[in-house]
């Protein structure tokens, strides 16, 4: 019986680690200069992070979550969103 509890606990722990993963991205202005201190929030939650001096952010979000950045909604499609600047500026 003890082995069963250990297996169940291990499985639940493993599932919990796959639920959320670090999602990363980079924000730059229309001139390609990194934007620091921009709020990145997961819609419907209280999870918020801010971009660093290089415009980078890391947030615990899963695929399908919606990020709110500068008034725009961005759906998380992968753990690395790359450079999101093109979503905010027409070049």
N, C-alpha and C. Protein backbone atom coordinates (compact mmCIF):
# COMPACT_ATOMS: atom_id res chain seq x y z
N UNK A 1 0.82 -1.19 0.00
CA UNK A 1 0.00 0.00 0.00
C UNK A 1 0.87 1.26 0.00
N UNK A 2 1.98 1.19 0.72
CA UNK A 2 2.87 2.35 0.78
C UNK A 2 3.45 2.64 -0.61
N UNK A 3 3.77 1.60 -1.36
CA UNK A 3 4.30 1.78 -2.72
C UNK A 3 3.27 2.48 -3.61
N UNK A 4 2.02 2.12 -3.45
CA UNK A 4 0.95 2.74 -4.23
C UNK A 4 0.89 4.24 -3.95
N UNK A 5 0.97 4.64 -2.68
CA UNK A 5 0.92 6.06 -2.32
C UNK A 5 2.12 6.80 -2.91
N UNK A 6 3.26 6.18 -2.88
CA UNK A 6 4.46 6.81 -3.44
C UNK A 6 4.31 7.00 -4.94
N UNK A 7 3.78 6.00 -5.63
CA UNK A 7 3.57 6.10 -7.08
C UNK A 7 2.56 7.20 -7.41
N UNK A 8 1.47 7.27 -6.68
CA UNK A 8 0.45 8.28 -6.92
C UNK A 8 1.03 9.67 -6.67
N UNK A 9 1.74 9.84 -5.57
CA UNK A 9 2.36 11.13 -5.27
C UNK A 9 3.36 11.53 -6.34
N UNK A 10 4.16 10.57 -6.79
CA UNK A 10 5.13 10.85 -7.85
C UNK A 10 4.44 11.27 -9.14
N UNK A 11 3.37 10.59 -9.49
CA UNK A 11 2.63 10.92 -10.71
C UNK A 11 2.02 12.32 -10.61
N UNK A 12 1.42 12.65 -9.48
CA UNK A 12 0.83 13.98 -9.30
C UNK A 12 1.90 15.07 -9.34
N UNK A 13 3.04 14.80 -8.75
CA UNK A 13 4.14 15.77 -8.79
C UNK A 13 4.61 15.99 -10.21
N UNK A 14 4.72 14.92 -10.97
CA UNK A 14 5.16 15.00 -12.35
C UNK A 14 4.16 15.78 -13.19
N UNK A 15 2.88 15.53 -13.02
CA UNK A 15 1.84 16.25 -13.76
C UNK A 15 1.87 17.73 -13.41
N UNK A 16 2.13 18.05 -12.17
CA UNK A 16 2.19 19.45 -11.75
C UNK A 16 3.32 20.20 -12.42
N UNK A 17 4.44 19.53 -12.68
CA UNK A 17 5.56 20.21 -13.32
C UNK A 17 5.30 20.44 -14.79
N UNK A 18 4.44 19.64 -15.42
CA UNK A 18 4.13 19.83 -16.83
C UNK A 18 3.02 20.86 -17.05
N UNK A 19 2.25 21.16 -16.02
CA UNK A 19 1.15 22.09 -16.17
C UNK A 19 1.64 23.48 -16.55
N UNK A 20 2.64 23.94 -15.85
CA UNK A 20 3.17 25.27 -16.11
C UNK A 20 4.65 25.17 -16.42
N UNK A 21 5.09 25.98 -17.34
CA UNK A 21 6.50 26.02 -17.71
C UNK A 21 6.88 27.48 -17.89
N UNK A 22 8.15 27.76 -17.80
CA UNK A 22 8.62 29.11 -18.01
C UNK A 22 8.39 29.50 -19.46
N UNK A 23 7.62 30.53 -19.66
CA UNK A 23 7.39 31.08 -20.99
C UNK A 23 8.22 32.36 -21.08
N UNK A 24 9.00 32.47 -22.14
CA UNK A 24 9.89 33.62 -22.28
C UNK A 24 9.55 34.41 -23.53
N UNK A 25 9.97 35.67 -23.52
CA UNK A 25 9.78 36.53 -24.68
C UNK A 25 10.63 37.77 -24.53
N UNK A 26 10.67 38.58 -25.59
CA UNK A 26 11.47 39.80 -25.60
C UNK A 26 10.62 40.92 -26.21
N UNK A 27 10.67 42.09 -25.58
CA UNK A 27 9.98 43.27 -26.10
C UNK A 27 10.98 44.35 -26.45
N UNK A 28 10.82 44.92 -27.63
CA UNK A 28 11.67 46.04 -28.07
C UNK A 28 10.76 47.11 -28.65
N UNK A 29 11.23 48.36 -28.67
CA UNK A 29 10.43 49.42 -29.26
C UNK A 29 10.59 49.43 -30.78
N UNK A 30 10.00 50.40 -31.43
CA UNK A 30 10.01 50.44 -32.90
C UNK A 30 11.41 50.65 -33.48
N UNK A 31 12.37 51.07 -32.65
CA UNK A 31 13.75 51.27 -33.10
C UNK A 31 14.64 50.07 -32.76
N UNK A 32 14.03 49.04 -32.16
CA UNK A 32 14.79 47.85 -31.80
C UNK A 32 15.48 47.95 -30.45
N UNK A 33 15.12 48.97 -29.67
CA UNK A 33 15.71 49.15 -28.34
C UNK A 33 14.86 48.38 -27.33
N UNK A 34 15.49 47.57 -26.48
CA UNK A 34 14.74 46.78 -25.49
C UNK A 34 13.89 47.67 -24.58
N UNK A 35 12.68 47.21 -24.31
CA UNK A 35 11.77 47.94 -23.42
C UNK A 35 11.81 47.29 -22.04
N UNK A 36 12.26 48.04 -21.06
CA UNK A 36 12.34 47.51 -19.70
C UNK A 36 11.14 47.96 -18.89
N UNK A 37 10.85 47.21 -17.84
CA UNK A 37 9.80 47.51 -16.87
C UNK A 37 8.40 47.55 -17.49
N UNK A 38 8.16 46.69 -18.49
CA UNK A 38 6.82 46.56 -19.09
C UNK A 38 6.12 45.40 -18.39
N UNK A 39 4.88 45.64 -17.97
CA UNK A 39 4.11 44.61 -17.27
C UNK A 39 3.65 43.52 -18.23
N UNK A 40 3.86 42.26 -17.82
CA UNK A 40 3.38 41.08 -18.55
C UNK A 40 2.53 40.29 -17.56
N UNK A 41 1.25 40.11 -17.90
CA UNK A 41 0.32 39.47 -16.96
C UNK A 41 -0.42 38.33 -17.67
N UNK A 42 -0.71 37.28 -16.92
CA UNK A 42 -1.55 36.20 -17.44
C UNK A 42 -2.99 36.58 -17.15
N UNK A 43 -3.79 36.67 -18.21
CA UNK A 43 -5.19 37.10 -18.09
C UNK A 43 -5.95 36.18 -17.14
N UNK A 44 -6.72 36.80 -16.25
CA UNK A 44 -7.54 36.04 -15.32
C UNK A 44 -6.81 35.54 -14.10
N UNK A 45 -5.54 35.92 -13.93
CA UNK A 45 -4.76 35.50 -12.76
C UNK A 45 -4.11 36.73 -12.13
N UNK A 46 -3.42 36.48 -11.04
CA UNK A 46 -2.65 37.56 -10.41
C UNK A 46 -1.15 37.43 -10.70
N UNK A 47 -0.80 36.58 -11.66
CA UNK A 47 0.62 36.40 -12.01
C UNK A 47 1.08 37.51 -12.94
N UNK A 48 2.06 38.27 -12.47
CA UNK A 48 2.60 39.41 -13.20
C UNK A 48 4.11 39.39 -13.09
N UNK A 49 4.77 39.71 -14.20
CA UNK A 49 6.22 39.93 -14.21
C UNK A 49 6.47 41.19 -15.02
N UNK A 50 7.70 41.67 -14.95
CA UNK A 50 8.09 42.86 -15.71
C UNK A 50 9.33 42.54 -16.53
N UNK A 51 9.43 43.17 -17.69
CA UNK A 51 10.60 42.94 -18.54
C UNK A 51 11.83 43.52 -17.87
N UNK A 52 12.98 42.89 -18.13
CA UNK A 52 14.25 43.36 -17.55
C UNK A 52 14.88 44.42 -18.46
N UNK A 53 16.10 44.80 -18.18
CA UNK A 53 16.78 45.84 -18.95
C UNK A 53 16.98 45.46 -20.41
N UNK A 54 16.99 44.16 -20.70
CA UNK A 54 17.15 43.68 -22.08
C UNK A 54 15.81 43.42 -22.76
N UNK A 55 14.70 43.78 -22.10
CA UNK A 55 13.37 43.55 -22.67
C UNK A 55 12.87 42.13 -22.52
N UNK A 56 13.60 41.29 -21.78
CA UNK A 56 13.23 39.88 -21.63
C UNK A 56 12.30 39.68 -20.44
N UNK A 57 11.44 38.67 -20.56
CA UNK A 57 10.60 38.28 -19.43
C UNK A 57 10.48 36.77 -19.38
N UNK A 58 10.24 36.25 -18.18
CA UNK A 58 9.96 34.84 -17.92
C UNK A 58 8.73 34.80 -17.03
N UNK A 59 7.74 34.04 -17.42
CA UNK A 59 6.52 33.93 -16.62
C UNK A 59 6.05 32.49 -16.64
N UNK A 60 5.49 32.03 -15.53
CA UNK A 60 4.95 30.67 -15.45
C UNK A 60 3.59 30.64 -16.15
N UNK A 61 3.60 30.26 -17.40
CA UNK A 61 2.37 30.19 -18.19
C UNK A 61 2.36 28.89 -18.99
N UNK A 62 1.18 28.38 -19.20
CA UNK A 62 1.06 27.16 -20.01
C UNK A 62 0.53 27.52 -21.39
N UNK A 63 0.72 26.63 -22.32
CA UNK A 63 0.23 26.84 -23.68
C UNK A 63 -1.29 27.00 -23.62
N UNK A 64 -1.76 28.04 -24.29
CA UNK A 64 -3.18 28.36 -24.27
C UNK A 64 -3.52 29.54 -23.37
N UNK A 65 -2.63 29.86 -22.40
CA UNK A 65 -2.85 31.03 -21.57
C UNK A 65 -2.78 32.28 -22.42
N UNK A 66 -3.42 33.33 -21.96
CA UNK A 66 -3.38 34.61 -22.68
C UNK A 66 -2.58 35.61 -21.86
N UNK A 67 -1.56 36.18 -22.49
CA UNK A 67 -0.76 37.21 -21.85
C UNK A 67 -1.30 38.57 -22.22
N UNK A 68 -1.32 39.48 -21.25
CA UNK A 68 -1.69 40.86 -21.49
C UNK A 68 -0.41 41.69 -21.44
N UNK A 69 -0.08 42.30 -22.58
CA UNK A 69 1.14 43.11 -22.69
C UNK A 69 0.78 44.40 -23.42
N UNK A 70 0.97 45.51 -22.75
CA UNK A 70 0.71 46.82 -23.35
C UNK A 70 -0.69 46.91 -23.98
N UNK A 71 -1.67 46.34 -23.29
CA UNK A 71 -3.05 46.40 -23.75
C UNK A 71 -3.42 45.41 -24.83
N UNK A 72 -2.49 44.56 -25.23
CA UNK A 72 -2.77 43.54 -26.25
C UNK A 72 -2.80 42.16 -25.62
N UNK A 73 -3.59 41.28 -26.22
CA UNK A 73 -3.68 39.89 -25.77
C UNK A 73 -2.85 39.02 -26.70
N UNK A 74 -1.99 38.21 -26.10
CA UNK A 74 -1.14 37.30 -26.86
C UNK A 74 -1.34 35.90 -26.30
N UNK A 75 -1.75 34.97 -27.15
CA UNK A 75 -1.96 33.59 -26.72
C UNK A 75 -0.62 32.86 -26.73
N UNK A 76 -0.34 32.16 -25.63
CA UNK A 76 0.90 31.41 -25.52
C UNK A 76 0.79 30.17 -26.41
N UNK A 77 1.66 30.11 -27.42
CA UNK A 77 1.65 28.99 -28.36
C UNK A 77 2.85 28.07 -28.15
N UNK A 78 3.89 28.58 -27.46
CA UNK A 78 5.07 27.77 -27.15
C UNK A 78 5.75 28.39 -25.94
N UNK A 79 6.73 27.69 -25.40
CA UNK A 79 7.43 28.20 -24.22
C UNK A 79 8.38 29.34 -24.55
N UNK A 80 8.78 29.47 -25.80
CA UNK A 80 9.64 30.58 -26.22
C UNK A 80 8.89 31.40 -27.27
N UNK A 81 8.42 32.56 -26.85
CA UNK A 81 7.65 33.41 -27.75
C UNK A 81 8.54 34.27 -28.64
N UNK A 82 9.82 34.34 -28.31
CA UNK A 82 10.76 35.10 -29.13
C UNK A 82 10.54 36.59 -29.03
N UNK A 83 10.84 37.31 -30.10
CA UNK A 83 10.71 38.76 -30.16
C UNK A 83 9.26 39.12 -30.49
N UNK A 84 8.57 39.74 -29.55
CA UNK A 84 7.17 40.09 -29.73
C UNK A 84 6.97 41.49 -30.27
N UNK A 85 8.05 42.21 -30.55
CA UNK A 85 7.95 43.61 -30.95
C UNK A 85 7.11 43.80 -32.20
N UNK A 86 7.17 42.87 -33.14
CA UNK A 86 6.44 43.01 -34.39
C UNK A 86 4.92 43.05 -34.16
N UNK A 87 4.46 42.56 -33.01
CA UNK A 87 3.03 42.59 -32.70
C UNK A 87 2.57 43.99 -32.30
N UNK A 88 3.53 44.82 -31.91
CA UNK A 88 3.16 46.15 -31.40
C UNK A 88 3.50 47.27 -32.38
N UNK A 89 4.39 47.02 -33.32
CA UNK A 89 4.83 48.07 -34.24
C UNK A 89 4.83 47.57 -35.67
N UNK A 90 4.40 48.40 -36.58
CA UNK A 90 4.47 48.07 -38.00
C UNK A 90 5.77 48.63 -38.52
N UNK A 91 6.59 47.78 -39.11
CA UNK A 91 7.91 48.24 -39.60
C UNK A 91 7.89 48.37 -41.07
